[in-house]
């Protein structure tokens, strides 16, 4: 477990992540983290649930239109 401290960043508050935690999460400057509310608190992740929904729909369309996509690939 890592303890994160709140710091003043301009008029807002921010959290400083230790290097080892960033390495475990495989994130760096400019990457996005997604906060999801769960029954036990807030879960931070690099997983974007909206992107997953879009990819599921894209896979459905690609499967349905497989022949059209093959023709376009030629």
Protein backbone atom coordinates (compact mmCIF):
# COMPACT_ATOMS: atom_id res chain seq x y z
CA UNK A 1 0.00 0.00 0.00
CA UNK A 2 1.20 3.50 -0.84
CA UNK A 3 0.23 6.65 1.03
CA UNK A 4 -0.39 9.62 -1.25
CA UNK A 5 -0.39 13.20 0.02
CA UNK A 6 -2.45 16.05 -1.35
CA UNK A 7 -0.46 19.05 -2.60
CA UNK A 8 -1.47 22.51 -3.72
CA UNK A 9 -1.25 22.91 -7.52
CA UNK A 10 -2.29 26.44 -8.41
CA UNK A 11 -5.88 26.85 -7.19
CA UNK A 12 -6.44 23.07 -7.17
CA UNK A 13 -5.19 20.07 -5.25
CA UNK A 14 -3.09 17.27 -6.71
CA UNK A 15 -1.57 13.98 -5.68
CA UNK A 16 2.10 13.08 -6.11
CA UNK A 17 2.63 9.43 -7.06
CA UNK A 18 5.89 7.71 -6.08
CA UNK A 19 8.03 6.47 -9.00
CA UNK A 20 7.63 2.81 -8.06
CA UNK A 21 3.83 3.11 -8.08
CA UNK A 22 3.90 4.84 -11.49
CA UNK A 23 6.09 2.04 -12.82
CA UNK A 24 3.66 -0.61 -11.54
CA UNK A 25 0.74 1.25 -13.14
CA UNK A 26 2.79 1.77 -16.35
CA UNK A 27 1.87 5.44 -16.56
CA UNK A 28 3.82 8.62 -16.95
CA UNK A 29 3.47 12.32 -17.67
CA UNK A 30 0.53 13.03 -19.96
CA UNK A 31 -1.20 9.66 -19.46
CA UNK A 32 -4.81 9.52 -18.28
CA UNK A 33 -6.15 7.78 -15.20
CA UNK A 34 -9.83 6.96 -14.78
CA UNK A 35 -11.55 7.18 -11.40
CA UNK A 36 -14.44 4.76 -10.87
CA UNK A 37 -16.61 4.77 -7.77
CA UNK A 38 -16.97 1.33 -6.19
CA UNK A 39 -18.64 0.02 -3.04
CA UNK A 40 -15.31 0.21 -1.21
CA UNK A 41 -14.18 3.63 -2.44
CA UNK A 42 -12.57 5.11 -5.55
CA UNK A 43 -10.66 2.88 -7.98
CA UNK A 44 -7.94 4.49 -10.16
CA UNK A 45 -7.10 2.71 -13.39
CA UNK A 46 -5.67 3.21 -16.85
CA UNK A 47 -8.70 1.29 -18.17
CA UNK A 48 -11.23 3.50 -20.00
CA UNK A 49 -14.70 1.92 -19.77
CA UNK A 50 -16.07 4.17 -22.56
CA UNK A 51 -13.32 3.00 -24.92
CA UNK A 52 -14.22 -0.62 -24.17
CA UNK A 53 -17.86 0.05 -25.10
CA UNK A 54 -16.76 1.65 -28.38
CA UNK A 55 -14.45 -1.28 -29.18
CA UNK A 56 -17.23 -3.79 -28.48
CA UNK A 57 -19.47 -1.97 -30.95
CA UNK A 58 -16.65 -1.74 -33.50
CA UNK A 59 -16.03 -5.51 -33.24
CA UNK A 60 -19.74 -6.17 -33.76
CA UNK A 61 -19.79 -4.00 -36.89
CA UNK A 62 -16.58 -5.55 -38.25
CA UNK A 63 -18.02 -9.03 -37.79
CA UNK A 64 -21.29 -8.04 -39.48
CA UNK A 65 -19.57 -6.26 -42.40
CA UNK A 66 -16.62 -8.66 -42.81
CA UNK A 67 -17.03 -9.03 -46.60
CA UNK A 68 -17.23 -5.27 -47.17
CA UNK A 69 -14.08 -4.72 -45.12
CA UNK A 70 -12.24 -7.43 -47.10
CA UNK A 71 -13.15 -5.70 -50.36
CA UNK A 72 -12.00 -2.33 -49.01
CA UNK A 73 -8.68 -3.87 -47.92
CA UNK A 74 -7.80 -4.90 -51.51
